[in-house]
Amino acid sequence: MSQCYPFIALQFYRTSDIEDKTNVDLLNTVFVILASSWFLCMLAFLRVTNRDFWHTFFSTVTGWQFTVDSYSKSDDPETKMLTIFENHSSFTEIIKSDVIVYMHANWAEWERTQPAWFTPKFISGVGDEYIPGRALRRMSDAFGGERPRMKATRLSSMKEIIITLSTADLIR
């Protein structure tokens, strides 16, 4: 919608009762140049953007809704786990209990089969509440009482800052 506002503002200006319209011709020329540039840039942008993702420009689905939907609709454990643990935790808070039940039900199988995504790095990023008690105790015993954990995330990238600010807006 913000892409349309300059056009709407110009229309309001043209139809307004402002008496001093000395620069109307200059304004119209600048507007035509800017509008043409904008249109060409949009065409170029769409040309280099993967067509499969065009729907995201018009979708009203929020980040957390997309994350929850991706988890719920997938049957692939890798997709489910990466969806949960590669997104901000606030995105999945609403389904946390379902994720815990799912992980507790499948953890032993993942330990036995060792799928490619079930790496020590992945496991170190999983919170204790998601790991079944027996497996958590085994990990703690193997590492002298405390299992290896990933370091706390710092707001070091623009992506993390935007996610954090977006989450704060959702909470308000």
N, C-alpha and C. Protein backbone atom coordinates (compact mmCIF):
# COMPACT_ATOMS: atom_id res chain seq x y z
N MET A 1 0.82 -1.20 0.00
CA MET A 1 0.00 0.00 0.00
C MET A 1 0.86 1.26 0.00
N SER A 2 2.00 1.19 0.69
CA SER A 2 2.84 2.39 0.74
C SER A 2 3.35 2.77 -0.63
N GLN A 3 3.42 1.81 -1.54
CA GLN A 3 3.85 2.11 -2.90
C GLN A 3 2.82 2.99 -3.63
N CYS A 4 1.57 2.95 -3.19
CA CYS A 4 0.49 3.71 -3.83
C CYS A 4 0.33 5.12 -3.27
N TYR A 5 0.82 5.35 -2.06
CA TYR A 5 0.60 6.64 -1.41
C TYR A 5 1.09 7.85 -2.20
N PRO A 6 2.26 7.82 -2.84
CA PRO A 6 2.67 9.02 -3.61
C PRO A 6 1.67 9.38 -4.71
N PHE A 7 1.09 8.37 -5.35
CA PHE A 7 0.12 8.62 -6.41
C PHE A 7 -1.16 9.24 -5.83
N ILE A 8 -1.57 8.71 -4.69
CA ILE A 8 -2.76 9.24 -4.02
C ILE A 8 -2.51 10.67 -3.55
N ALA A 9 -1.33 10.92 -2.98
CA ALA A 9 -0.99 12.26 -2.50
C ALA A 9 -0.98 13.26 -3.66
N LEU A 10 -0.44 12.86 -4.80
CA LEU A 10 -0.43 13.75 -5.95
C LEU A 10 -1.85 14.05 -6.40
N GLN A 11 -2.70 13.05 -6.41
CA GLN A 11 -4.09 13.26 -6.81
C GLN A 11 -4.77 14.24 -5.86
N PHE A 12 -4.54 14.08 -4.56
CA PHE A 12 -5.11 15.02 -3.60
C PHE A 12 -4.58 16.43 -3.84
N TYR A 13 -3.29 16.55 -4.13
CA TYR A 13 -2.69 17.86 -4.38
C TYR A 13 -3.31 18.51 -5.61
N ARG A 14 -3.47 17.73 -6.67
CA ARG A 14 -4.03 18.27 -7.91
C ARG A 14 -5.47 18.74 -7.74
N THR A 15 -6.23 18.05 -6.92
CA THR A 15 -7.64 18.41 -6.75
C THR A 15 -7.87 19.35 -5.56
N SER A 16 -6.81 19.75 -4.88
CA SER A 16 -6.99 20.61 -3.71
C SER A 16 -7.30 22.04 -4.13
N ASP A 17 -7.70 22.83 -3.17
CA ASP A 17 -8.04 24.23 -3.40
C ASP A 17 -6.88 25.17 -3.12
N ILE A 18 -5.67 24.66 -3.08
CA ILE A 18 -4.49 25.49 -2.83
C ILE A 18 -4.33 26.43 -4.03
N GLU A 19 -4.24 27.71 -3.74
CA GLU A 19 -4.20 28.70 -4.81
C GLU A 19 -2.83 28.85 -5.44
N ASP A 20 -1.77 28.66 -4.66
CA ASP A 20 -0.41 28.85 -5.18
C ASP A 20 0.08 27.54 -5.81
N LYS A 21 -0.23 27.38 -7.08
CA LYS A 21 0.21 26.17 -7.80
C LYS A 21 1.17 26.58 -8.91
N THR A 22 2.15 27.38 -8.56
CA THR A 22 3.08 27.91 -9.55
C THR A 22 4.00 26.83 -10.11
N ASN A 23 4.26 25.81 -9.34
CA ASN A 23 5.20 24.78 -9.78
C ASN A 23 4.50 23.50 -10.24
N VAL A 24 3.27 23.62 -10.69
CA VAL A 24 2.50 22.44 -11.07
C VAL A 24 3.16 21.72 -12.25
N ASP A 25 3.62 22.45 -13.25
CA ASP A 25 4.26 21.81 -14.41
C ASP A 25 5.53 21.08 -13.99
N LEU A 26 6.34 21.71 -13.16
CA LEU A 26 7.57 21.07 -12.66
C LEU A 26 7.22 19.84 -11.83
N LEU A 27 6.19 19.97 -10.99
CA LEU A 27 5.76 18.85 -10.16
C LEU A 27 5.29 17.68 -11.03
N ASN A 28 4.52 17.98 -12.04
CA ASN A 28 4.05 16.93 -12.95
C ASN A 28 5.20 16.23 -13.67
N THR A 29 6.18 16.99 -14.11
CA THR A 29 7.35 16.42 -14.80
C THR A 29 8.14 15.52 -13.86
N VAL A 30 8.41 16.01 -12.67
CA VAL A 30 9.15 15.22 -11.68
C VAL A 30 8.36 13.96 -11.32
N PHE A 31 7.06 14.13 -11.17
CA PHE A 31 6.23 12.98 -10.83
C PHE A 31 6.29 11.91 -11.93
N VAL A 32 6.20 12.31 -13.17
CA VAL A 32 6.24 11.36 -14.28
C VAL A 32 7.60 10.65 -14.31
N ILE A 33 8.67 11.37 -14.08
CA ILE A 33 10.00 10.76 -14.06
C ILE A 33 10.11 9.76 -12.91
N LEU A 34 9.69 10.17 -11.71
CA LEU A 34 9.77 9.29 -10.54
C LEU A 34 8.85 8.08 -10.68
N ALA A 35 7.66 8.29 -11.17
CA ALA A 35 6.72 7.18 -11.34
C ALA A 35 7.24 6.19 -12.37
N SER A 36 7.81 6.69 -13.45
CA SER A 36 8.38 5.81 -14.48
C SER A 36 9.56 5.03 -13.92
N SER A 37 10.41 5.70 -13.16
CA SER A 37 11.55 5.03 -12.53
C SER A 37 11.08 3.95 -11.56
N TRP A 38 10.09 4.30 -10.76
CA TRP A 38 9.54 3.33 -9.80
C TRP A 38 9.01 2.11 -10.54
N PHE A 39 8.25 2.34 -11.61
CA PHE A 39 7.66 1.24 -12.37
C PHE A 39 8.74 0.35 -12.97
N LEU A 40 9.77 0.95 -13.54
CA LEU A 40 10.86 0.17 -14.13
C LEU A 40 11.62 -0.62 -13.06
N CYS A 41 11.82 -0.02 -11.92
CA CYS A 41 12.50 -0.73 -10.80
C CYS A 41 11.66 -1.90 -10.32
N MET A 42 10.35 -1.72 -10.23
CA MET A 42 9.48 -2.83 -9.82
C MET A 42 9.53 -3.96 -10.83
N LEU A 43 9.52 -3.64 -12.12
CA LEU A 43 9.63 -4.68 -13.14
C LEU A 43 10.96 -5.42 -13.05
N ALA A 44 12.04 -4.66 -12.85
CA ALA A 44 13.36 -5.28 -12.72
C ALA A 44 13.42 -6.16 -11.48
N PHE A 45 12.84 -5.69 -10.39
CA PHE A 45 12.82 -6.46 -9.15
C PHE A 45 12.06 -7.77 -9.34
N LEU A 46 10.90 -7.70 -9.95
CA LEU A 46 10.12 -8.92 -10.18
C LEU A 46 10.83 -9.86 -11.15
N ARG A 47 11.57 -9.29 -12.08
CA ARG A 47 12.30 -10.10 -13.06
C ARG A 47 13.39 -10.94 -12.39
N VAL A 48 14.07 -10.38 -11.39
CA VAL A 48 15.17 -11.11 -10.74
C VAL A 48 14.70 -11.92 -9.52
N THR A 49 13.44 -11.75 -9.13
CA THR A 49 12.90 -12.48 -7.98
C THR A 49 12.32 -13.81 -8.45
N ASN A 50 12.57 -14.84 -7.68
CA ASN A 50 12.04 -16.17 -7.98
C ASN A 50 10.52 -16.11 -7.99
N ARG A 51 9.92 -16.53 -9.07
CA ARG A 51 8.47 -16.46 -9.25
C ARG A 51 7.70 -17.22 -8.17
N ASP A 52 8.31 -18.27 -7.61
CA ASP A 52 7.65 -19.05 -6.57
C ASP A 52 7.40 -18.24 -5.30
N PHE A 53 8.11 -17.13 -5.13
CA PHE A 53 7.97 -16.32 -3.92
C PHE A 53 7.16 -15.04 -4.13
N TRP A 54 6.63 -14.84 -5.31
CA TRP A 54 5.85 -13.62 -5.56
C TRP A 54 4.67 -13.50 -4.62
N HIS A 55 4.07 -14.62 -4.25
CA HIS A 55 2.90 -14.57 -3.37
C HIS A 55 3.22 -13.93 -2.02
N THR A 56 4.48 -13.95 -1.61
CA THR A 56 4.84 -13.38 -0.30
C THR A 56 4.69 -11.86 -0.27
N PHE A 57 4.68 -11.23 -1.43
CA PHE A 57 4.52 -9.78 -1.48
C PHE A 57 3.07 -9.36 -1.24
N PHE A 58 2.15 -10.29 -1.38
CA PHE A 58 0.74 -9.97 -1.25
C PHE A 58 0.09 -10.68 -0.07
N SER A 59 0.80 -11.59 0.55
CA SER A 59 0.25 -12.39 1.65
C SER A 59 0.13 -11.57 2.93
N THR A 60 -0.89 -11.87 3.70
CA THR A 60 -1.07 -11.19 4.99
C THR A 60 -0.61 -12.09 6.14
N VAL A 61 0.01 -13.21 5.82
CA VAL A 61 0.49 -14.14 6.85
C VAL A 61 1.72 -13.54 7.53
N THR A 62 1.72 -13.55 8.86
CA THR A 62 2.86 -13.03 9.62
C THR A 62 3.93 -14.10 9.76
N GLY A 63 5.08 -13.71 10.25
CA GLY A 63 6.20 -14.64 10.43
C GLY A 63 5.85 -15.80 11.35
N TRP A 64 5.23 -15.49 12.48
CA TRP A 64 4.91 -16.57 13.42
C TRP A 64 3.83 -17.48 12.85
N GLN A 65 2.88 -16.93 12.11
CA GLN A 65 1.85 -17.76 11.49
C GLN A 65 2.46 -18.70 10.45
N PHE A 66 3.38 -18.18 9.67
CA PHE A 66 4.06 -19.00 8.66
C PHE A 66 4.86 -20.11 9.33
N THR A 67 5.55 -19.79 10.41
CA THR A 67 6.36 -20.78 11.13
C THR A 67 5.49 -21.89 11.69
N VAL A 68 4.41 -21.53 12.36
CA VAL A 68 3.50 -22.52 12.94
C VAL A 68 2.88 -23.36 11.84
N ASP A 69 2.48 -22.73 10.75
CA ASP A 69 1.87 -23.44 9.63
C ASP A 69 2.86 -24.41 8.99
N SER A 70 4.10 -23.98 8.83
CA SER A 70 5.12 -24.85 8.25
C SER A 70 5.35 -26.07 9.12
N TYR A 71 5.40 -25.88 10.43
CA TYR A 71 5.58 -26.99 11.36
C TYR A 71 4.38 -27.94 11.28
N SER A 72 3.19 -27.39 11.33
CA SER A 72 1.98 -28.20 11.39
C SER A 72 1.73 -29.00 10.11
N LYS A 73 2.05 -28.44 8.96
CA LYS A 73 1.74 -29.09 7.69
C LYS A 73 2.81 -30.08 7.23
N SER A 74 3.99 -30.03 7.85
CA SER A 74 5.07 -30.89 7.40
C SER A 74 5.03 -32.26 8.09
N ASP A 75 5.38 -33.29 7.33
CA ASP A 75 5.52 -34.63 7.89
C ASP A 75 6.99 -34.99 8.06
N ASP A 76 7.87 -34.15 7.56
CA ASP A 76 9.31 -34.40 7.60
C ASP A 76 9.89 -33.89 8.92
N PRO A 77 10.51 -34.77 9.72
CA PRO A 77 11.07 -34.34 11.01
C PRO A 77 12.12 -33.24 10.86
N GLU A 78 12.94 -33.30 9.82
CA GLU A 78 13.96 -32.26 9.63
C GLU A 78 13.30 -30.90 9.42
N THR A 79 12.30 -30.85 8.57
CA THR A 79 11.59 -29.59 8.31
C THR A 79 10.96 -29.08 9.60
N LYS A 80 10.32 -29.96 10.34
CA LYS A 80 9.68 -29.56 11.59
C LYS A 80 10.70 -28.97 12.56
N MET A 81 11.81 -29.68 12.76
CA MET A 81 12.80 -29.24 13.75
C MET A 81 13.51 -27.97 13.33
N LEU A 82 13.88 -27.88 12.07
CA LEU A 82 14.56 -26.67 11.62
C LEU A 82 13.61 -25.48 11.64
N THR A 83 12.33 -25.72 11.36
CA THR A 83 11.34 -24.66 11.44
C THR A 83 11.24 -24.14 12.86
N ILE A 84 11.25 -25.03 13.82
CA ILE A 84 11.11 -24.63 15.22
C ILE A 84 12.37 -23.96 15.74
N PHE A 85 13.53 -24.54 15.49
CA PHE A 85 14.74 -24.08 16.15
C PHE A 85 15.59 -23.11 15.34
N GLU A 86 15.20 -22.82 14.11
CA GLU A 86 15.92 -21.80 13.34
C GLU A 86 15.14 -20.48 13.29
N ASN A 87 14.01 -20.42 13.95
CA ASN A 87 13.23 -19.19 14.03
C ASN A 87 13.23 -18.70 15.48
N HIS A 88 12.89 -17.48 15.66
CA HIS A 88 12.84 -16.91 17.00
C HIS A 88 11.84 -17.68 17.85
N SER A 89 12.18 -17.94 19.09
CA SER A 89 11.34 -18.77 19.97
C SER A 89 9.94 -18.20 20.16
N SER A 90 9.77 -16.90 20.04
CA SER A 90 8.44 -16.31 20.21
C SER A 90 7.50 -16.73 19.08
N PHE A 91 8.07 -17.10 17.93
CA PHE A 91 7.24 -17.53 16.81
C PHE A 91 6.56 -18.86 17.09
N THR A 92 7.16 -19.67 17.95
CA THR A 92 6.64 -21.02 18.19
C THR A 92 6.10 -21.21 19.60
N GLU A 93 6.01 -20.16 20.35
CA GLU A 93 5.52 -20.26 21.73
C GLU A 93 4.13 -20.87 21.80
N ILE A 94 3.29 -20.58 20.83
CA ILE A 94 1.91 -21.04 20.83
C ILE A 94 1.80 -22.57 20.66
N ILE A 95 2.81 -23.19 20.04
CA ILE A 95 2.77 -24.65 19.84
C ILE A 95 3.87 -25.36 20.63
N LYS A 96 4.44 -24.69 21.59
CA LYS A 96 5.56 -25.26 22.35
C LYS A 96 5.21 -26.62 22.96
N SER A 97 4.03 -26.76 23.56
CA SER A 97 3.67 -28.03 24.19
C SER A 97 3.55 -29.14 23.14
N ASP A 98 3.04 -28.83 21.96
CA ASP A 98 2.95 -29.82 20.88
C ASP A 98 4.35 -30.26 20.43
N VAL A 99 5.26 -29.29 20.34
CA VAL A 99 6.63 -29.59 19.92
C VAL A 99 7.30 -30.49 20.95
N ILE A 100 7.09 -30.19 22.23
CA ILE A 100 7.68 -31.01 23.29
C ILE A 100 7.17 -32.45 23.20
N VAL A 101 5.88 -32.61 23.03
CA VAL A 101 5.30 -33.96 22.90
C VAL A 101 5.88 -34.67 21.68
N TYR A 102 5.97 -33.98 20.55
CA TYR A 102 6.51 -34.55 19.32
C TYR A 102 7.96 -34.97 19.52
N MET A 103 8.76 -34.12 20.13
CA MET A 103 10.17 -34.42 20.31
C MET A 103 10.37 -35.57 21.30
N HIS A 104 9.60 -35.59 22.37
CA HIS A 104 9.72 -36.68 23.34
C HIS A 104 9.34 -38.01 22.69
N ALA A 105 8.36 -37.98 21.80
CA ALA A 105 7.92 -39.21 21.13
C ALA A 105 8.93 -39.71 20.10
N ASN A 106 9.73 -38.81 19.54
CA ASN A 106 10.63 -39.19 18.44
C ASN A 106 12.12 -39.17 18.79
N TRP A 107 12.48 -38.65 19.94
CA TRP A 107 13.89 -38.46 20.30
C TRP A 107 14.68 -39.77 20.24
N ALA A 108 14.15 -40.83 20.83
CA ALA A 108 14.87 -42.11 20.86
C ALA A 108 15.13 -42.62 19.45
N GLU A 109 14.17 -42.47 18.56
CA GLU A 109 14.34 -42.88 17.16
C GLU A 109 15.44 -42.07 16.49
N TRP A 110 15.48 -40.78 16.74
CA TRP A 110 16.50 -39.92 16.15
C TRP A 110 17.89 -40.28 16.68
N GLU A 111 17.97 -40.60 17.97
CA GLU A 111 19.26 -41.02 18.53
C GLU A 111 19.72 -42.33 17.89
N ARG A 112 18.79 -43.23 17.65
CA ARG A 112 19.11 -44.54 17.08
C ARG A 112 19.52 -44.42 15.61
N THR A 113 18.77 -43.65 14.82
CA THR A 113 19.01 -43.57 13.37
C THR A 113 19.98 -42.47 12.98
N GLN A 114 20.20 -41.48 13.84
CA GLN A 114 21.11 -40.36 13.57
C GLN A 114 20.90 -39.72 12.20
N PRO A 115 19.70 -39.11 11.98
CA PRO A 115 19.50 -38.43 10.69
C PRO A 115 20.53 -37.30 10.52
N ALA A 116 20.76 -36.89 9.29
CA ALA A 116 21.80 -35.90 8.97
C ALA A 116 21.63 -34.59 9.73
N TRP A 117 20.41 -34.17 10.00
CA TRP A 117 20.16 -32.89 10.67
C TRP A 117 20.31 -33.00 12.20
N PHE A 118 20.31 -34.21 12.74
CA PHE A 118 20.36 -34.45 14.19
C PHE A 118 21.83 -34.46 14.63
N THR A 119 22.44 -33.31 14.59
CA THR A 119 23.87 -33.15 14.86
C THR A 119 24.09 -32.65 16.29
N PRO A 120 25.31 -32.76 16.80
CA PRO A 120 25.60 -32.18 18.11
C PRO A 120 25.31 -30.67 18.16
N LYS A 121 25.53 -29.99 17.06
CA LYS A 121 25.22 -28.55 17.02
C LYS A 121 23.72 -28.33 17.18
N PHE A 122 22.92 -29.11 16.46
CA PHE A 122 21.46 -28.98 16.60
C PHE A 122 21.05 -29.28 18.03
N ILE A 123 21.53 -30.38 18.59
CA ILE A 123 21.16 -30.80 19.95
C ILE A 123 21.56 -29.75 20.97
N SER A 124 22.72 -29.11 20.77
CA SER A 124 23.16 -28.10 21.74
C SER A 124 22.28 -26.85 21.71
N GLY A 125 21.53 -26.67 20.62
CA GLY A 125 20.63 -25.52 20.52
C GLY A 125 19.23 -25.80 21.01
N VAL A 126 18.97 -27.04 21.40
CA VAL A 126 17.64 -27.44 21.86
C VAL A 126 17.55 -27.23 23.37
N GLY A 127 16.49 -26.60 23.80
CA GLY A 127 16.28 -26.38 25.23
C GLY A 127 16.03 -27.68 25.98
N ASP A 128 16.39 -27.71 27.26
CA ASP A 128 16.24 -28.92 28.07
C ASP A 128 14.80 -29.43 28.12
N GLU A 129 13.84 -28.52 28.07
CA GLU A 129 12.43 -28.93 28.17
C GLU A 129 11.98 -29.76 26.98
N TYR A 130 12.70 -29.67 25.86
CA TYR A 130 12.34 -30.42 24.66
C TYR A 130 12.93 -31.83 24.65
N ILE A 131 13.94 -32.05 25.45
CA ILE A 131 14.64 -33.34 25.45
C ILE A 131 14.06 -34.23 26.54
N PRO A 132 13.74 -35.48 26.20
CA PRO A 132 13.20 -36.39 27.23
C PRO A 132 14.19 -36.54 28.39
N GLY A 133 13.65 -36.72 29.59
CA GLY A 133 14.47 -36.77 30.81
C GLY A 133 15.59 -37.78 30.76
N ARG A 134 15.33 -38.98 30.26
CA ARG A 134 16.34 -40.04 30.21
C ARG A 134 17.50 -39.62 29.31
N ALA A 135 17.20 -39.07 28.15
CA ALA A 135 18.23 -38.64 27.21
C ALA A 135 19.01 -37.45 27.77
N LEU A 136 18.32 -36.56 28.45
CA LEU A 136 18.97 -35.40 29.05
C LEU A 136 19.95 -35.83 30.14
N ARG A 137 19.55 -36.79 30.97
CA ARG A 137 20.43 -37.30 32.02
C ARG A 137 21.65 -37.99 31.40
N ARG A 138 21.44 -38.77 30.35
CA ARG A 138 22.54 -39.45 29.67
C ARG A 138 23.54 -38.44 29.12
N MET A 139 23.04 -37.38 28.51
CA MET A 139 23.93 -36.34 27.97
C MET A 139 24.69 -35.64 29.09
N SER A 140 24.00 -35.33 30.16
CA SER A 140 24.64 -34.65 31.29
C SER A 140 25.72 -35.54 31.90
N ASP A 141 25.44 -36.82 32.06
CA ASP A 141 26.42 -37.75 32.62
C ASP A 141 27.64 -37.87 31.71
N ALA A 142 27.41 -37.90 30.41
CA ALA A 142 28.50 -38.05 29.45
C ALA A 142 29.44 -36.86 29.47
N PHE A 143 28.93 -35.69 29.85
CA PHE A 143 29.76 -34.48 29.86
C PHE A 143 30.03 -33.98 31.26
N GLY A 144 30.02 -34.86 32.22
CA GLY A 144 30.39 -34.48 33.58
C GLY A 144 29.38 -33.61 34.30
N GLY A 145 28.12 -33.84 34.07
CA GLY A 145 27.09 -33.13 34.82
C GLY A 145 26.37 -32.03 34.07
N GLU A 146 26.94 -31.56 32.99
CA GLU A 146 26.25 -30.51 32.23
C GLU A 146 26.48 -30.73 30.75
N ARG A 147 25.41 -30.79 30.01
CA ARG A 147 25.52 -31.02 28.57
C ARG A 147 25.99 -29.76 27.86
N PRO A 148 26.64 -29.92 26.71
CA PRO A 148 27.08 -28.74 25.95
C PRO A 148 25.88 -27.94 25.45
N ARG A 149 25.97 -26.65 25.56
CA ARG A 149 24.89 -25.76 25.11
C ARG A 149 25.48 -24.71 24.19
N MET A 150 24.64 -24.23 23.30
CA MET A 150 25.05 -23.11 22.45
C MET A 150 25.12 -21.86 23.31
N LYS A 151 25.99 -20.96 22.94
CA LYS A 151 26.08 -19.69 23.66
C LYS A 151 24.82 -18.87 23.41
N ALA A 152 24.50 -18.02 24.34
CA ALA A 152 23.32 -17.16 24.19
C ALA A 152 23.46 -16.30 22.94
N THR A 153 22.35 -16.10 22.28
CA THR A 153 22.35 -15.29 21.06
C THR A 153 22.52 -13.82 21.42
N ARG A 154 23.39 -13.18 20.68
CA ARG A 154 23.55 -11.74 20.85
C ARG A 154 22.90 -11.07 19.64
N LEU A 155 22.43 -9.88 19.84
CA LEU A 155 21.82 -9.14 18.74
C LEU A 155 22.94 -8.59 17.86
N SER A 156 23.53 -9.47 17.08
CA SER A 156 24.69 -9.09 16.30
C SER A 156 24.38 -8.84 14.83
N SER A 157 23.21 -9.22 14.40
CA SER A 157 22.89 -9.00 13.00
C SER A 157 21.60 -8.21 12.88
N MET A 158 21.42 -7.59 11.76
CA MET A 158 20.21 -6.82 11.51
C MET A 158 18.99 -7.73 11.53
N LYS A 159 19.14 -8.97 11.03
CA LYS A 159 18.02 -9.91 11.02
C LYS A 159 17.55 -10.17 12.45
N GLU A 160 18.49 -10.40 13.38
CA GLU A 160 18.11 -10.66 14.77
C GLU A 160 17.44 -9.44 15.40
N ILE A 161 17.93 -8.26 15.08
CA ILE A 161 17.34 -7.04 15.62
C ILE A 161 15.91 -6.88 15.12
N ILE A 162 15.69 -7.11 13.84
CA ILE A 162 14.35 -6.97 13.26
C ILE A 162 13.40 -8.00 13.85
N ILE A 163 13.85 -9.25 13.99
CA ILE A 163 13.01 -10.28 14.58
C ILE A 163 12.65 -9.91 16.02
N THR A 164 13.62 -9.42 16.77
CA THR A 164 13.37 -9.05 18.16
C THR A 164 12.38 -7.90 18.24
N LEU A 165 12.56 -6.90 17.40
CA LEU A 165 11.64 -5.76 17.42
C LEU A 165 10.25 -6.17 16.96
N SER A 166 10.16 -7.04 15.96
CA SER A 166 8.86 -7.51 15.49
C SER A 166 8.15 -8.30 16.58
N THR A 167 8.91 -9.09 17.31
CA THR A 167 8.34 -9.86 18.40
C THR A 167 7.84 -8.95 19.50
N ALA A 168 8.58 -7.91 19.79
CA ALA A 168 8.15 -6.96 20.81
C ALA A 168 6.84 -6.29 20.41
N ASP A 169 6.69 -6.01 19.11
CA ASP A 169 5.45 -5.41 18.62
C ASP A 169 4.28 -6.39 18.78
N LEU A 170 4.53 -7.68 18.53
CA LEU A 170 3.47 -8.68 18.68
C LEU A 170 3.02 -8.80 20.12
N ILE A 171 3.96 -8.69 21.04
CA ILE A 171 3.65 -8.88 22.47
C ILE A 171 2.82 -7.71 22.99
N ARG A 172 3.10 -6.51 22.49
CA ARG A 172 2.36 -5.33 22.96
C ARG A 172 0.96 -5.41 22.61
